[in-house]
């Protein structure tokens, strides 16, 4: 199991039909870089649906695309100015059905005059991926070493070192030149 690092990407673009494919390719490159190749096709199709909706609804405003990877879910969001941000005005049924079919969860909310539509894709590894690396466990030789203050058998008073006798070194005069 690889250890996941939380990742985030944000881009603001003009909503034109040409930009839809460009943004899809950019986000696909980021998801592959994050090691999420399995989620890339669904992520790019879902973003394509949401970007096309933004282009149809408000072609003269700025669209923001965000992608988050949190170790369990890849969350993609598209926000755009929507003149009809009232509570009764939701996403078109066709759009919401496509997003629901592509994702594990999705939602929509408004913030001021902007509509934010997001969807989530769950990592299907079956094992929860860690967000931060674990602290390495010490090996047996490191784990057994205790500081001298923690060991009761070690004297805490300094011990005077005894002088080490030095033996004279004999040099044979016949071999030295």
Protein backbone atom coordinates (compact mmCIF):
# COMPACT_ATOMS: atom_id res chain seq x y z
CA UNK A 1 0.00 0.00 0.00
CA UNK A 2 1.42 3.38 -0.92
CA UNK A 3 1.01 6.27 1.45
CA UNK A 4 -1.15 9.07 0.11
CA UNK A 5 -0.25 12.71 0.33
CA UNK A 6 -3.15 15.18 0.40
CA UNK A 7 -3.20 17.07 -2.90
CA UNK A 8 -5.09 20.05 -4.26
CA UNK A 9 -5.37 21.73 -7.66
CA UNK A 10 -7.26 24.87 -8.67
CA UNK A 11 -7.69 26.55 -12.05
CA UNK A 12 -9.85 29.49 -13.18
CA UNK A 13 -10.80 29.57 -16.87
CA UNK A 14 -13.09 31.33 -19.28
CA UNK A 15 -16.06 29.06 -20.06
CA UNK A 16 -15.67 28.31 -23.74
CA UNK A 17 -16.29 24.99 -25.46
CA UNK A 18 -12.58 24.75 -26.35
CA UNK A 19 -11.59 25.03 -22.69
CA UNK A 20 -13.64 21.99 -21.65
CA UNK A 21 -11.22 19.52 -23.27
CA UNK A 22 -8.17 21.46 -22.10
CA UNK A 23 -9.28 21.46 -18.47
CA UNK A 24 -10.16 17.77 -18.68
CA UNK A 25 -6.64 16.97 -19.90
CA UNK A 26 -5.04 19.15 -17.20
CA UNK A 27 -7.03 17.51 -14.40
CA UNK A 28 -6.36 14.06 -15.89
CA UNK A 29 -2.63 14.77 -15.77
CA UNK A 30 -2.89 15.80 -12.12
CA UNK A 31 -4.87 12.73 -11.10
CA UNK A 32 -2.36 10.46 -12.85
CA UNK A 33 0.49 12.33 -11.13
CA UNK A 34 -1.26 11.68 -7.80
CA UNK A 35 -1.35 7.95 -8.62
CA UNK A 36 -5.10 7.81 -9.30
CA UNK A 37 -5.14 6.29 -12.78
CA UNK A 38 -8.25 4.23 -11.97
CA UNK A 39 -10.24 7.37 -11.13
CA UNK A 40 -9.07 9.50 -14.05
CA UNK A 41 -11.71 8.47 -16.66
CA UNK A 42 -14.67 9.10 -14.33
CA UNK A 43 -13.14 12.35 -13.06
CA UNK A 44 -12.62 13.76 -16.54
CA UNK A 45 -16.09 12.72 -17.78
CA UNK A 46 -17.73 14.27 -14.72
CA UNK A 47 -15.77 17.49 -15.13
CA UNK A 48 -16.75 17.58 -18.79
CA UNK A 49 -20.45 17.40 -17.87
CA UNK A 50 -20.12 20.18 -15.28
CA UNK A 51 -18.01 22.42 -17.50
CA UNK A 52 -20.47 22.09 -20.38
CA UNK A 53 -23.26 23.04 -17.99
CA UNK A 54 -21.30 26.13 -16.91
CA UNK A 55 -20.68 27.09 -20.55
CA UNK A 56 -24.41 26.82 -21.35
CA UNK A 57 -25.56 28.64 -18.21
CA UNK A 58 -23.13 31.54 -18.12
CA UNK A 59 -20.65 31.77 -21.02
CA UNK A 60 -19.45 35.26 -20.05
CA UNK A 61 -18.27 34.58 -16.49
CA UNK A 62 -15.25 32.90 -14.96
CA UNK A 63 -15.38 29.18 -14.11
CA UNK A 64 -13.27 27.72 -11.33
CA UNK A 65 -12.33 24.05 -11.22
CA UNK A 66 -10.90 22.41 -8.12
CA UNK A 67 -9.65 18.90 -7.44
CA UNK A 68 -8.81 17.50 -3.99
CA UNK A 69 -7.30 14.14 -3.09
CA UNK A 70 -7.56 13.36 0.62
CA UNK A 71 -6.34 9.76 0.68
CA UNK A 72 -9.81 8.26 0.38
CA UNK A 73 -11.74 10.42 -2.06
CA UNK A 74 -11.03 12.45 -5.16
CA UNK A 75 -13.36 15.44 -5.00
CA UNK A 76 -13.89 17.61 -8.07
CA UNK A 77 -15.82 20.87 -7.97
CA UNK A 78 -16.86 23.41 -10.58
CA UNK A 79 -18.13 26.84 -9.59
CA UNK A 80 -19.63 29.47 -11.87
CA UNK A 81 -21.88 32.50 -11.71
CA UNK A 82 -25.48 31.45 -12.04
CA UNK A 83 -28.19 34.10 -12.36
CA UNK A 84 -30.80 31.63 -11.12
CA UNK A 85 -29.18 30.58 -7.82
CA UNK A 86 -32.47 30.41 -5.97
CA UNK A 87 -33.28 27.37 -3.86
CA UNK A 88 -35.91 26.19 -6.33
CA UNK A 89 -33.47 26.28 -9.24
CA UNK A 90 -31.32 23.14 -9.27
CA UNK A 91 -29.28 21.27 -11.82
CA UNK A 92 -30.93 19.98 -14.96
CA UNK A 93 -32.14 16.40 -14.52
CA UNK A 94 -29.93 15.08 -17.32
CA UNK A 95 -26.83 16.64 -15.75
CA UNK A 96 -27.59 15.38 -12.26
CA UNK A 97 -28.30 11.87 -13.58
CA UNK A 98 -24.97 11.76 -15.41
CA UNK A 99 -23.02 12.97 -12.37
CA UNK A 100 -24.81 10.47 -10.11
CA UNK A 101 -23.96 7.63 -12.50
CA UNK A 102 -20.27 8.60 -12.69
CA UNK A 103 -19.60 9.29 -9.02
CA UNK A 104 -19.94 7.90 -5.52
CA UNK A 105 -21.56 11.10 -4.27
CA UNK A 106 -22.32 14.59 -5.50
CA UNK A 107 -23.93 17.82 -4.41
CA UNK A 108 -24.66 21.40 -5.30
CA UNK A 109 -24.79 24.58 -3.27
CA UNK A 110 -24.71 28.32 -3.78
CA UNK A 111 -22.44 30.94 -2.36
CA UNK A 112 -23.55 34.43 -3.19
CA UNK A 113 -24.23 34.51 -6.93
CA UNK A 114 -22.03 31.45 -7.59
CA UNK A 115 -23.20 27.88 -7.91
CA UNK A 116 -20.79 25.16 -6.80
CA UNK A 117 -21.31 21.61 -8.05
CA UNK A 118 -19.06 18.86 -6.74
CA UNK A 119 -18.73 15.11 -7.02
CA UNK A 120 -16.66 12.55 -5.18
CA UNK A 121 -14.92 9.39 -6.38
CA UNK A 122 -13.87 6.90 -3.72
CA UNK A 123 -10.57 5.06 -3.93
CA UNK A 124 -11.43 1.40 -4.35
CA UNK A 125 -8.30 -0.10 -2.81
CA UNK A 126 -10.23 -1.72 0.03
CA UNK A 127 -7.62 -0.50 2.47
CA UNK A 128 -7.54 2.96 3.94
CA UNK A 129 -4.57 4.86 2.60
CA UNK A 130 -2.59 6.92 5.08
CA UNK A 131 -2.38 10.66 4.57
CA UNK A 132 0.98 11.14 6.22
CA UNK A 133 3.97 8.85 6.40
CA UNK A 134 4.34 6.80 9.53
CA UNK A 135 7.27 7.37 11.88
CA UNK A 136 9.70 4.55 11.16
CA UNK A 137 9.76 1.85 13.78
CA UNK A 138 13.28 1.37 15.20
CA UNK A 139 14.96 -1.93 14.52
CA UNK A 140 15.78 -4.35 17.37
CA UNK A 141 19.25 -2.96 18.12
CA UNK A 142 17.93 0.62 18.40
CA UNK A 143 14.88 -0.37 20.42
CA UNK A 144 16.96 -2.14 23.09
CA UNK A 145 19.24 0.80 23.84
CA UNK A 146 18.05 2.79 26.83
CA UNK A 147 19.58 5.98 28.14
CA UNK A 148 21.89 5.45 31.11
CA UNK A 149 19.53 7.37 33.39
CA UNK A 150 16.76 4.86 32.64
CA UNK A 151 18.87 1.76 33.43
CA UNK A 152 19.04 0.95 37.15
CA UNK A 153 22.25 -1.11 36.84
CA UNK A 154 24.38 1.77 35.55
CA UNK A 155 26.20 3.89 38.12
CA UNK A 156 25.33 7.56 37.87
CA UNK A 157 28.63 8.75 39.39
CA UNK A 158 31.54 9.39 37.03
CA UNK A 159 34.24 6.73 37.14
CA UNK A 160 37.88 7.85 36.94
CA UNK A 161 39.63 6.27 34.01
CA UNK A 162 42.75 4.24 34.85
CA UNK A 163 45.88 5.09 32.83
CA UNK A 164 46.52 2.62 30.03
CA UNK A 165 50.12 1.31 30.02
CA UNK A 166 51.89 1.90 26.70
CA UNK A 167 54.37 -0.77 25.64
CA UNK A 168 57.55 0.43 23.94
CA UNK A 169 57.75 -0.26 20.21
CA UNK A 170 61.00 -1.89 19.03
CA UNK A 171 62.31 -1.01 15.58
CA UNK A 172 64.90 -3.26 13.99
CA UNK A 173 67.79 -1.10 12.84
CA UNK A 174 68.65 -3.50 10.01
CA UNK A 175 65.30 -3.15 8.22
CA UNK A 176 64.99 0.60 8.57
CA UNK A 177 66.70 2.50 5.76
